[in-house]
C-alpha atoms as a PDB file:
ATOM      1  CA  MET A   1       0.000   0.000   0.000  1.00  0.00           C
ATOM      2  CA  ARG A   2       1.531   3.316  -1.119  1.00  0.00           C
ATOM      3  CA  ARG A   3       0.605   6.857  -0.133  1.00  0.00           C
ATOM      4  CA  ASN A   4       2.149  10.118  -1.341  1.00  0.00           C
ATOM      5  CA  ILE A   5       2.464  13.163   0.927  1.00  0.00           C
ATOM      6  CA  SER A   6       2.835  16.659  -0.587  1.00  0.00           C
ATOM      7  CA  THR A   7       3.248  20.165   0.817  1.00  0.00           C
ATOM      8  CA  GLY A   8       1.661  21.646  -2.294  1.00  0.00           C
ATOM      9  CA  SER A   9       4.806  23.662  -3.085  1.00  0.00           C
ATOM     10  CA  GLU A  10       5.766  24.698  -6.611  1.00  0.00           C
ATOM     11  CA  PHE A  11       9.055  22.803  -6.295  1.00  0.00           C
ATOM     12  CA  GLU A  12       7.219  19.484  -6.015  1.00  0.00           C
ATOM     13  CA  LYS A  13       4.916  20.256  -8.924  1.00  0.00           C
ATOM     14  CA  ARG A  14       7.719  21.355 -11.252  1.00  0.00           C
ATOM     15  CA  ALA A  15      10.057  18.469 -10.467  1.00  0.00           C
ATOM     16  CA  GLY A  16       7.302  15.860 -10.170  1.00  0.00           C
ATOM     17  CA  TYR A  17       8.042  14.445  -6.724  1.00  0.00           C
ATOM     18  CA  SER A  18       6.395  14.023  -3.308  1.00  0.00           C
ATOM     19  CA  ARG A  19       7.632  15.398  -0.017  1.00  0.00           C
ATOM     20  CA  ALA A  20       7.323  11.866   1.357  1.00  0.00           C
ATOM     21  CA  VAL A  21       6.152   8.442   0.245  1.00  0.00           C
ATOM     22  CA  VAL A  22       4.669   5.911   2.657  1.00  0.00           C
ATOM     23  CA  VAL A  23       4.965   2.208   1.838  1.00  0.00           C
ATOM     24  CA  GLY A  24       3.717  -0.033   4.622  1.00  0.00           C
ATOM     25  CA  ASP A  25       5.559   0.943   7.810  1.00  0.00           C
ATOM     26  CA  MET A  26       8.338   2.734   5.927  1.00  0.00           C
ATOM     27  CA  ILE A  27       8.401   6.465   5.203  1.00  0.00           C
ATOM     28  CA  PHE A  28      10.787   7.925   2.629  1.00  0.00           C
ATOM     29  CA  VAL A  29      11.207  11.695   3.041  1.00  0.00           C
ATOM     30  CA  ALA A  30      12.618  13.486   0.001  1.00  0.00           C
ATOM     31  CA  GLY A  31      15.587  15.831   0.216  1.00  0.00           C
ATOM     32  CA  THR A  32      14.205  18.752   2.234  1.00  0.00           C
ATOM     33  CA  THR A  33      15.592  22.282   2.535  1.00  0.00           C
ATOM     34  CA  GLY A  34      15.084  25.184   4.895  1.00  0.00           C
ATOM     35  CA  TYR A  35      12.259  26.904   3.016  1.00  0.00           C
ATOM     36  CA  ASN A  36       9.366  28.231   5.044  1.00  0.00           C
ATOM     37  CA  TYR A  37       6.561  27.021   2.797  1.00  0.00           C
ATOM     38  CA  ASP A  38       3.970  29.274   4.417  1.00  0.00           C
ATOM     39  CA  ALA A  39       5.890  32.429   3.561  1.00  0.00           C
ATOM     40  CA  MET A  40       8.031  30.881   0.786  1.00  0.00           C
ATOM     41  CA  THR A  41      11.143  32.431   2.292  1.00  0.00           C
ATOM     42  CA  ILE A  42      14.499  31.026   3.350  1.00  0.00           C
ATOM     43  CA  SER A  43      17.006  32.306   5.908  1.00  0.00           C
ATOM     44  CA  GLU A  44      20.603  33.068   5.019  1.00  0.00           C
ATOM     45  CA  ASP A  45      21.824  31.533   8.286  1.00  0.00           C
ATOM     46  CA  PRO A  46      22.828  27.845   7.808  1.00  0.00           C
ATOM     47  CA  ALA A  47      21.772  26.950  11.371  1.00  0.00           C
ATOM     48  CA  GLU A  48      18.309  28.472  10.884  1.00  0.00           C
ATOM     49  CA  GLN A  49      18.018  26.717   7.536  1.00  0.00           C
ATOM     50  CA  ALA A  50      18.796  23.437   9.303  1.00  0.00           C
ATOM     51  CA  ARG A  51      16.184  24.097  12.006  1.00  0.00           C
ATOM     52  CA  GLN A  52      13.517  24.921   9.390  1.00  0.00           C
ATOM     53  CA  THR A  53      14.521  21.826   7.432  1.00  0.00           C
ATOM     54  CA  PHE A  54      13.864  19.651  10.477  1.00  0.00           C
ATOM     55  CA  ARG A  55      10.496  21.364  10.982  1.00  0.00           C
ATOM     56  CA  ASN A  56       9.571  20.550   7.378  1.00  0.00           C
ATOM     57  CA  ILE A  57      10.668  16.932   7.793  1.00  0.00           C
ATOM     58  CA  GLU A  58       8.735  16.588  11.040  1.00  0.00           C
ATOM     59  CA  TRP A  59       5.598  17.918   9.328  1.00  0.00           C
ATOM     60  CA  ALA A  60       5.897  15.283   6.584  1.00  0.00           C
ATOM     61  CA  LEU A  61       6.439  12.512   9.136  1.00  0.00           C
ATOM     62  CA  LYS A  62       3.420  13.653  11.124  1.00  0.00           C
ATOM     63  CA  GLN A  63       1.224  13.318   8.021  1.00  0.00           C
ATOM     64  CA  ALA A  64       2.358   9.700   7.865  1.00  0.00           C
ATOM     65  CA  GLY A  65       1.600   9.074  11.541  1.00  0.00           C
ATOM     66  CA  ALA A  66       5.247   9.173  12.619  1.00  0.00           C
ATOM     67  CA  SER A  67       7.812  11.563  14.100  1.00  0.00           C
ATOM     68  CA  LEU A  68      11.539  12.238  14.181  1.00  0.00           C
ATOM     69  CA  LYS A  69      11.847   9.413  16.734  1.00  0.00           C
ATOM     70  CA  ASP A  70      11.057   6.959  13.921  1.00  0.00           C
ATOM     71  CA  VAL A  71      13.918   8.136  11.681  1.00  0.00           C
ATOM     72  CA  VAL A  72      16.463   5.365  11.049  1.00  0.00           C
ATOM     73  CA  ARG A  73      18.611   7.047   8.389  1.00  0.00           C
ATOM     74  CA  ALA A  74      19.537  10.633   7.485  1.00  0.00           C
ATOM     75  CA  THR A  75      21.669  12.028   4.671  1.00  0.00           C
ATOM     76  CA  TYR A  76      22.975  15.603   4.823  1.00  0.00           C
ATOM     77  CA  TYR A  77      23.871  17.459   1.630  1.00  0.00           C
ATOM     78  CA  VAL A  78      25.929  20.578   2.388  1.00  0.00           C
ATOM     79  CA  LYS A  79      26.939  23.038  -0.335  1.00  0.00           C
ATOM     80  CA  ASP A  80      29.796  24.588   1.634  1.00  0.00           C
ATOM     81  CA  MET A  81      31.540  22.451   4.251  1.00  0.00           C
ATOM     82  CA  ALA A  82      32.264  25.657   6.181  1.00  0.00           C
ATOM     83  CA  ASP A  83      28.535  25.582   7.095  1.00  0.00           C
ATOM     84  CA  TRP A  84      28.662  21.967   8.295  1.00  0.00           C
ATOM     85  CA  PRO A  85      29.592  22.708  11.958  1.00  0.00           C
ATOM     86  CA  ALA A  86      26.492  24.928  12.337  1.00  0.00           C
ATOM     87  CA  VAL A  87      24.268  22.304  10.676  1.00  0.00           C
ATOM     88  CA  ARG A  88      25.794  19.532  12.770  1.00  0.00           C
ATOM     89  CA  GLU A  89      25.008  21.369  16.022  1.00  0.00           C
ATOM     90  CA  VAL A  90      21.329  21.549  15.059  1.00  0.00           C
ATOM     91  CA  ALA A  91      21.299  17.882  14.058  1.00  0.00           C
ATOM     92  CA  MET A  92      22.821  16.919  17.423  1.00  0.00           C
ATOM     93  CA  VAL A  93      19.913  18.625  19.193  1.00  0.00           C
ATOM     94  CA  GLU A  94      17.169  17.171  16.964  1.00  0.00           C
ATOM     95  CA  PHE A  95      18.590  13.630  16.913  1.00  0.00           C
ATOM     96  CA  ALA A  96      20.123  13.623  20.416  1.00  0.00           C
ATOM     97  CA  ASP A  97      18.278  10.518  21.653  1.00  0.00           C
ATOM     98  CA  ILE A  98      17.415   9.063  18.246  1.00  0.00           C
ATOM     99  CA  LEU A  99      20.870   8.642  16.707  1.00  0.00           C
ATOM    100  CA  PRO A 100      19.930   7.437  13.220  1.00  0.00           C
ATOM    101  CA  ALA A 101      22.481   6.116  10.743  1.00  0.00           C
ATOM    102  CA  ALA A 102      23.752   9.206   8.915  1.00  0.00           C
ATOM    103  CA  THR A 103      25.939  10.430   6.075  1.00  0.00           C
ATOM    104  CA  ALA A 104      27.157  13.956   5.273  1.00  0.00           C
ATOM    105  CA  VAL A 105      28.050  14.865   1.688  1.00  0.00           C
ATOM    106  CA  GLN A 106      29.292  18.086   0.106  1.00  0.00           C
ATOM    107  CA  ALA A 107      27.292  18.758  -3.050  1.00  0.00           C
ATOM    108  CA  PRO A 108      25.898  21.634  -5.129  1.00  0.00           C
ATOM    109  CA  LEU A 109      22.206  22.267  -4.395  1.00  0.00           C
ATOM    110  CA  ALA A 110      19.327  23.260  -6.683  1.00  0.00           C
ATOM    111  CA  SER A 111      19.288  26.940  -5.652  1.00  0.00           C
ATOM    112  CA  PRO A 112      22.072  29.362  -4.625  1.00  0.00           C
ATOM    113  CA  THR A 113      20.084  30.281  -1.519  1.00  0.00           C
ATOM    114  CA  MET A 114      20.035  26.676  -0.240  1.00  0.00           C
ATOM    115  CA  LYS A 115      22.859  25.742   2.120  1.00  0.00           C
ATOM    116  CA  ILE A 116      21.612  22.426   3.505  1.00  0.00           C
ATOM    117  CA  GLU A 117      19.359  19.610   2.311  1.00  0.00           C
ATOM    118  CA  ILE A 118      18.389  16.600   4.438  1.00  0.00           C
ATOM    119  CA  GLU A 119      16.918  13.315   3.283  1.00  0.00           C
ATOM    120  CA  CYS A 120      15.396  10.840   5.797  1.00  0.00           C
ATOM    121  CA  THR A 121      14.019   7.333   6.017  1.00  0.00           C
ATOM    122  CA  ALA A 122      11.740   6.361   8.909  1.00  0.00           C
ATOM    123  CA  VAL A 123      10.055   3.174  10.075  1.00  0.00           C
ATOM    124  CA  LYS A 124       6.834   3.365  12.057  1.00  0.00           C
ATOM    125  CA  ALA A 125       6.521   1.140  15.100  1.00  0.00           C
ATOM    126  CA  PRO A 126       3.687  -1.399  14.646  1.00  0.00           C
ATOM    127  CA  ALA A 127       0.492  -0.227  16.353  1.00  0.00           C
ATOM    128  CA  LYS A 128      -0.281  -3.782  17.554  1.00  0.00           C
ATOM    129  CA  LEU A 129       2.732  -4.006  19.908  1.00  0.00           C
ATOM    130  CA  PRO A 130       1.274  -1.966  22.810  1.00  0.00           C
ATOM    131  CA  LEU A 131      -1.933  -4.062  22.728  1.00  0.00           C
ATOM    132  CA  ALA A 132      -0.057  -7.314  23.291  1.00  0.00           C
ATOM    133  CA  ALA A 133       1.207  -6.357  26.766  1.00  0.00           C
ATOM    134  CA  PRO A 134      -2.213  -6.333  28.562  1.00  0.00           C
ATOM    135  CA  ALA A 135      -3.118  -9.681  26.994  1.00  0.00           C
ATOM    136  CA  ARG A 136       0.047 -11.264  28.343  1.00  0.00           C
ATOM    137  CA  ALA A 137      -0.550  -9.734  31.736  1.00  0.00           C
ATOM    138  CA  LYS A 138      -4.036 -11.266  31.876  1.00  0.00           C
ATOM    139  CA  ALA A 139      -2.670 -14.677  30.908  1.00  0.00           C
ATOM    140  CA  LYS A 140      -0.063 -14.463  33.665  1.00  0.00           C
ATOM    141  CA  ALA A 141      -2.716 -13.407  36.159  1.00  0.00           C
ATOM    142  CA  LYS A 142      -4.851 -16.467  35.346  1.00  0.00           C
ATOM    143  CA  LYS A 143      -2.024 -18.931  36.010  1.00  0.00           C
ATOM    144  CA  PRO A 144      -1.471 -17.983  39.687  1.00  0.00           C
ATOM    145  CA  ALA A 145      -5.227 -18.073  40.268  1.00  0.00           C
ATOM    146  CA  ALA A 146      -5.403 -21.604  38.881  1.00  0.00           C
ATOM    147  CA  ARG A 147      -2.445 -22.667  40.993  1.00  0.00           C
ATOM    148  CA  ARG A 148      -4.062 -21.266  44.119  1.00  0.00           C
ATOM    149  CA  ALA A 149      -7.252 -23.197  43.399  1.00  0.00           C
ATOM    150  CA  LYS A 150      -5.265 -26.428  43.048  1.00  0.00           C
ATOM    151  CA  ALA A 151      -3.317 -25.678  46.230  1.00  0.00           C
ATOM    152  CA  LYS A 152      -6.557 -25.183  48.172  1.00  0.00           C
ATOM    153  CA  ALA A 153      -8.064 -28.422  46.863  1.00  0.00           C
ATOM    154  CA  ALA A 154      -4.932 -30.544  47.488  1.00  0.00           C
ATOM    155  CA  PRO A 155      -4.841 -30.366  51.349  1.00  0.00           C
ATOM    156  CA  ASP A 156      -8.463 -31.622  51.592  1.00  0.00           C
ATOM    157  CA  LYS A 157      -7.523 -35.127  50.460  1.00  0.00           C
ATOM    158  CA  PRO A 158      -5.002 -35.895  53.280  1.00  0.00           C
ATOM    159  CA  ARG A 159      -7.429 -34.539  55.863  1.00  0.00           C
ATOM    160  CA  ARG A 160     -10.171 -36.920  54.761  1.00  0.00           C
ATOM    161  CA  LYS A 161      -7.832 -39.902  54.886  1.00  0.00           C
ATOM    162  CA  ALA A 162      -6.636 -38.957  58.376  1.00  0.00           C
ATOM    163  CA  ALA A 163     -10.246 -38.735  59.595  1.00  0.00           C
ATOM    164  CA  VAL A 164     -10.991 -42.235  58.305  1.00  0.00           C
ATOM    165  CA  LYS A 165      -7.959 -43.720  60.057  1.00  0.00           C
ATOM    166  CA  ALA A 166      -8.777 -42.001  63.362  1.00  0.00           C
ATOM    167  CA  LYS A 167     -12.159 -43.778  63.827  1.00  0.00           C
ATOM    168  CA  PRO A 168     -10.784 -47.316  64.463  1.00  0.00           C
ATOM    169  CA  ALA A 169      -8.200 -45.905  66.897  1.00  0.00           C
ATOM    170  CA  LYS A 170     -10.956 -44.567  69.205  1.00  0.00           C
ATOM    171  CA  ALA A 171     -12.816 -47.898  69.246  1.00  0.00           C
ATOM    172  CA  LYS A 172      -9.861 -49.934  70.655  1.00  0.00           C
ATOM    173  CA  PRO A 173      -9.986 -48.587  74.293  1.00  0.00           C
ATOM    174  CA  ALA A 174     -13.674 -49.719  74.570  1.00  0.00           C
ATOM    175  CA  LYS A 175     -12.642 -53.385  74.174  1.00  0.00           C
ATOM    176  CA  ALA A 176     -10.011 -53.090  76.912  1.00  0.00           C
ATOM    177  CA  LYS A 177     -12.523 -52.299  79.768  1.00  0.00           C
ATOM    178  CA  PRO A 178     -14.025 -55.825  80.131  1.00  0.00           C
ATOM    179  CA  ALA A 179     -10.514 -57.268  80.353  1.00  0.00           C
ATOM    180  CA  LYS A 180      -9.747 -55.237  83.503  1.00  0.00           C
ATOM    181  CA  ALA A 181     -12.975 -56.358  85.274  1.00  0.00           C
ATOM    182  CA  LYS A 182     -12.232 -60.137  85.069  1.00  0.00           C
ATOM    183  CA  PRO A 183      -9.377 -60.212  87.640  1.00  0.00           C
ATOM    184  CA  ALA A 184     -11.627 -58.522  90.248  1.00  0.00           C
ATOM    185  CA  LYS A 185     -14.216 -61.362  90.134  1.00  0.00           C
ATOM    186  CA  LYS A 186     -11.577 -64.033  90.601  1.00  0.00           C
ATOM    187  CA  ALA A 187     -10.204 -62.277  93.664  1.00  0.00           C
ATOM    188  CA  ALA A 188     -13.663 -62.251  95.262  1.00  0.00           C
ATOM    189  CA  LYS A 189     -14.122 -66.006  94.839  1.00  0.00           C
ATOM    190  CA  LYS A 190     -10.784 -66.746  96.482  1.00  0.00           C
ATOM    191  CA  ALA A 191     -11.529 -64.512  99.434  1.00  0.00           C
ATOM    192  CA  GLY A 192     -14.816 -66.284 100.276  1.00  0.00           C
ATOM    193  CA  PRO A 193     -13.502 -69.598 101.513  1.00  0.00           C
ATOM    194  CA  ALA A 194     -10.767 -67.924 103.553  1.00  0.00           C
ATOM    195  CA  ARG A 195     -13.362 -66.117 105.733  1.00  0.00           C
ATOM    196  CA  LYS A 196     -15.313 -69.371 106.362  1.00  0.00           C
ATOM    197  CA  GLY A 197     -12.166 -70.977 107.664  1.00  0.00           C
ATOM    198  CA  ARG A 198     -11.711 -68.337 110.338  1.00  0.00           C
ATOM    199  CA  ARG A 199     -15.194 -68.800 111.762  1.00  0.00           C
END
């Protein structure tokens, strides 16, 4: 699936190109300069041109649902290498935490007023990734619950067995009582004749 993104500038119409082209998750941003397309003006300061260039690139990326954070490659075309230190300082601020693969080239540009041109490639992060985390969390939450249910059910079985074994143990002392009474009767019989002998 391809989608073209345009600023509507005369440069794009005359040269027959798009500011950016989106193909799947990839975004290809054309070489972009420091023109302010609202006023159609450009600063003479290379650093300001670089800042405006990044603003133009960020606008194109936003139309594609991305941002500078998604940039994976950048190519800098500088007309005069004496302007490169100023351009580099701006790039260090814009890409401080992004750090894309980059190349700087000295080359003549399409207009004498242009001092810097930047070309970028970006890759959008899949939108489905953040949705996978809650699903995994729910699956993990179900496992402990199932384990707890098994743990609660497991102790019931030993308790029932112990209760069954305890019943015969209580019945044994009842049989022992008649055995103790028998010696008492025998002693009474022996004592009887002894008393008759004394009389």
